[in-house]
Protein backbone atom coordinates (compact mmCIF):
# COMPACT_ATOMS: atom_id res chain seq x y z
CA MET A 1 19.96 70.81 18.82
CA ALA A 2 18.09 73.41 16.73
CA VAL A 3 18.40 71.39 13.52
CA PRO A 4 15.39 69.64 11.91
CA GLY A 5 15.23 65.90 12.53
CA PRO A 6 15.83 64.66 8.95
CA LEU A 7 18.71 67.09 8.42
CA GLN A 8 20.22 66.14 11.78
CA ALA A 9 20.01 62.45 10.85
CA ALA A 10 21.59 63.10 7.43
CA LEU A 11 24.44 65.15 8.92
CA THR A 12 25.06 62.51 11.58
CA ALA A 13 25.14 59.70 9.02
CA ALA A 14 27.57 61.69 6.87
CA ALA A 15 29.82 62.32 9.87
CA VAL A 16 29.83 58.64 10.83
CA LEU A 17 30.68 57.52 7.28
CA ALA A 18 33.43 60.14 6.98
CA GLY A 19 34.84 59.07 10.34
CA GLY A 20 34.88 55.43 9.28
CA ALA A 21 36.74 56.34 6.09
CA LEU A 22 39.38 58.20 8.11
CA LEU A 23 39.80 55.56 10.80
CA TYR A 24 39.83 52.35 8.77
CA ARG A 25 42.27 51.87 5.91
CA PRO A 26 41.03 50.48 2.56
CA GLY A 27 41.03 46.77 1.83
CA ARG A 28 40.28 44.11 4.42
CA ALA A 29 40.01 46.73 7.17
CA ARG A 30 36.60 47.54 5.74
CA LEU A 31 35.34 44.28 7.28
CA ALA A 32 35.95 45.74 10.73
CA ALA A 33 34.16 48.93 9.69
CA LEU A 34 31.14 46.92 8.54
CA CYS A 35 31.05 45.06 11.85
CA ALA A 36 31.11 48.40 13.68
CA LEU A 37 28.09 49.79 11.82
CA PRO A 38 25.48 47.75 13.79
CA LEU A 39 26.88 49.21 17.03
CA VAL A 40 26.44 52.71 15.66
CA ALA A 41 22.92 51.86 14.46
CA LEU A 42 21.96 50.43 17.86
CA LEU A 43 23.19 53.55 19.65
CA TRP A 44 21.17 55.66 17.21
CA TYR A 45 18.13 53.43 17.83
CA ARG A 46 18.35 53.72 21.60
CA ALA A 47 19.24 57.41 22.04
CA GLY A 48 18.64 59.13 18.70
CA PRO A 49 21.11 60.58 16.19
CA GLY A 50 22.31 63.17 18.70
CA ALA A 51 24.05 60.40 20.65
CA LEU A 52 26.37 59.83 17.69
CA LEU A 53 27.71 63.39 17.73
CA PRO A 54 30.39 62.78 20.42
CA PRO A 55 31.76 59.61 18.75
CA ALA A 56 31.77 61.39 15.38
CA VAL A 57 33.72 64.35 16.76
CA ALA A 58 36.04 61.95 18.61
CA VAL A 59 37.32 60.73 15.23
CA VAL A 60 39.89 63.55 15.35
CA PRO A 61 41.60 62.41 18.59
CA ALA A 62 41.23 58.78 17.44
CA VAL A 63 43.16 59.46 14.22
CA TRP A 64 45.82 61.40 16.12
CA CYS A 65 46.23 58.67 18.79
CA ARG A 66 46.34 55.93 16.12
CA ASP A 67 49.13 57.66 14.22
CA TRP A 68 50.92 58.61 17.44
CA PHE A 69 51.02 54.96 18.48
CA ALA A 70 52.24 53.85 15.03
CA ALA A 71 55.01 56.47 14.84
CA ARG A 72 56.25 55.94 18.40
CA SER A 73 56.19 52.16 18.02
CA ARG A 74 58.25 52.26 14.81
CA ARG A 75 60.73 54.60 16.48
CA ARG A 76 61.01 52.30 19.48
CA LEU A 77 61.45 49.29 17.21
CA ALA A 78 64.41 50.98 15.52
CA GLY A 79 66.05 51.74 18.86
CA SER A 80 65.34 48.53 20.80
CA ARG A 81 68.13 46.08 21.56
CA SER A 82 65.88 43.04 21.86
CA LEU A 83 62.35 41.90 21.04
CA ARG A 84 61.53 41.67 24.74
CA GLU A 85 62.59 45.26 25.28
CA PHE A 86 60.46 46.36 22.34
CA ALA A 87 57.43 44.38 23.51
CA GLY A 88 57.50 46.06 26.91
CA GLY A 89 57.79 49.49 25.34
CA ALA A 90 55.03 48.77 22.80
CA ARG A 91 52.62 47.72 25.55
CA ALA A 92 53.37 50.94 27.41
CA LEU A 93 52.69 52.92 24.22
CA LEU A 94 49.43 51.01 23.72
CA ALA A 95 48.32 51.87 27.24
CA GLY A 96 49.31 55.48 26.65
CA SER A 97 47.37 55.72 23.40
CA LEU A 98 44.27 54.23 25.04
CA LEU A 99 44.50 56.68 27.93
CA LEU A 100 45.00 59.61 25.56
CA PHE A 101 42.03 58.60 23.44
CA THR A 102 39.78 57.99 26.46
CA ALA A 103 40.71 61.42 27.83
CA GLY A 104 40.01 63.00 24.44
CA LEU A 105 36.65 61.25 24.18
CA ALA A 106 35.69 62.28 27.71
CA ALA A 107 36.65 65.89 27.01
CA THR A 108 34.68 65.83 23.76
CA GLN A 109 31.56 64.52 25.48
CA ALA A 110 31.88 67.05 28.29
CA ALA A 111 32.10 69.89 25.76
CA LEU A 112 29.16 68.63 23.68
CA TRP A 113 26.83 67.59 26.51
CA PRO A 114 25.08 71.02 26.75
CA LEU A 115 24.32 70.84 23.02
CA LEU A 116 22.81 67.36 23.03
CA PRO A 117 19.11 66.50 23.34
CA PRO A 118 18.05 65.03 26.72
CA ALA A 119 17.89 61.47 25.37
CA ALA A 120 21.57 61.64 24.37
CA ALA A 121 22.96 63.53 27.37
CA GLY A 122 22.27 61.11 30.23
CA TRP A 123 24.98 59.37 32.19
CA ALA A 124 23.95 55.95 30.88
CA VAL A 125 24.33 57.04 27.24
CA THR A 126 27.61 58.82 28.06
CA ALA A 127 28.97 55.64 29.66
CA GLN A 128 27.89 53.61 26.65
CA THR A 129 29.48 55.98 24.12
CA THR A 130 32.71 55.99 26.13
CA ALA A 131 32.89 52.20 26.30
CA LEU A 132 31.89 51.92 22.64
CA GLY A 133 34.52 54.48 21.65
CA VAL A 134 37.31 52.60 23.44
CA LEU A 135 36.20 49.31 21.83
CA LEU A 136 36.18 50.82 18.34
CA PHE A 137 39.56 52.49 18.93
CA GLU A 138 41.08 49.11 19.79
CA SER A 139 39.53 47.75 16.59
CA VAL A 140 41.03 50.64 14.61
CA LEU A 141 44.51 49.95 16.03
CA LEU A 142 44.27 46.26 15.18
CA ALA A 143 43.04 46.94 11.65
CA ALA A 144 45.74 49.55 11.04
CA HIS A 145 48.44 46.98 11.81
CA GLY A 146 47.03 44.12 9.79
CA PHE A 147 45.02 42.15 12.38
CA HIS A 148 41.75 42.30 10.49
CA ARG A 149 40.01 39.30 12.05
CA ALA A 150 40.54 40.53 15.59
CA ALA A 151 39.56 44.04 14.53
CA ALA A 152 36.26 42.75 13.19
CA ALA A 153 35.64 40.22 15.98
CA GLY A 154 35.43 42.82 18.78
CA PRO A 155 32.63 44.95 17.26
CA ALA A 156 30.84 41.82 15.99
CA VAL A 157 30.70 40.25 19.47
CA ALA A 158 29.64 43.55 21.05
CA GLY A 159 26.92 43.96 18.43
CA ALA A 160 25.55 40.49 19.20
CA LEU A 161 25.49 41.28 22.92
CA HIS A 162 23.67 44.55 22.34
CA LEU A 163 21.07 42.84 20.14
CA LEU A 164 20.41 40.34 22.92
CA LEU A 165 19.96 43.18 25.40
CA VAL A 166 17.56 44.98 23.06
CA ALA A 167 15.51 41.77 22.81
CA LEU A 168 15.31 41.44 26.60
CA PRO A 169 12.35 43.38 28.03
CA GLY A 170 13.27 45.75 30.82
CA ALA A 171 17.05 45.49 30.41
CA PRO A 172 18.61 48.52 32.17
CA PRO A 173 20.58 50.93 29.95
CA ALA A 174 23.71 50.38 32.05
CA LEU A 175 23.95 46.86 30.65
CA HIS A 176 24.67 48.28 27.20
CA ALA A 177 27.67 50.17 28.56
CA ALA A 178 28.77 47.02 30.39
CA ALA A 179 28.52 44.98 27.18
CA SER A 180 30.80 47.35 25.26
CA GLY A 181 33.15 47.74 28.21
CA ALA A 182 33.49 44.00 28.79
CA THR A 183 34.12 43.38 25.09
CA ALA A 184 36.77 46.13 25.05
CA ALA A 185 38.46 44.60 28.12
CA VAL A 186 38.51 41.13 26.54
CA LEU A 187 39.75 42.49 23.19
CA LEU A 188 42.60 44.28 24.94
CA VAL A 189 44.24 40.93 25.78
CA PRO A 190 44.88 39.77 22.18
CA ALA A 191 45.46 43.39 21.13
CA SER A 192 48.29 43.82 23.63
CA ARG A 193 49.90 40.61 22.41
CA ALA A 194 49.51 41.36 18.71
CA LEU A 195 50.56 45.01 18.83
CA ALA A 196 53.59 44.22 21.01
CA GLY A 197 55.09 42.09 18.23
CA ALA A 198 57.77 43.62 16.03
CA PHE A 199 56.17 42.19 12.86
CA ALA A 200 53.09 44.37 13.47
CA HIS A 201 55.11 47.54 12.90
CA HIS A 202 56.89 46.81 9.62
CA GLY A 203 55.73 48.52 6.49
CA PRO A 204 54.21 51.96 5.98
CA PRO A 205 52.41 53.62 8.91
CA PRO A 206 48.68 54.25 8.72
CA ARG A 207 47.63 57.16 6.52
CA THR A 208 44.78 59.53 7.17
CA HIS A 209 44.31 60.45 3.49
């Protein structure tokens, strides 16, 4: 990227903070955002500020997928004849939103890869940003529907795992992607239970402003 280092770092930090403000609602959801910051800092530390450009740009599909899931779930809740019927439909919508976001993140990274510096364009960093993006998207969904502890727990656990890997000499970069991916897979279990409950979809939908 033909932008001076300090300016690139400042622009990246501004994009990350703006993305966090869009994704996490005010109030207790800020706890999840604070727990996500060490993950962003570790990615910056390992691959430079250029590695944060794809996750920052992926805020747009993340906001759209978050609101799509909220709107479709509320519509399904109004039309369901039983809680079991709604739960099955909500889980399908959750899977759909995760697939849509993952596809959007992959497309974003593919489009930006030619613009990134070599340290941020490798397959290992791409795998890590993808796994990290999915983990943070699950956290955003949980925070948007009132499950603040679970929303904060996922990034906090992943951050601890990444710190352990940084402390280990000679740890391969693929382990960082595995740490985020494993945490996202584990977090999906309570997320699918929580977000399939009708009580999670009462009240106003998430707002982007």
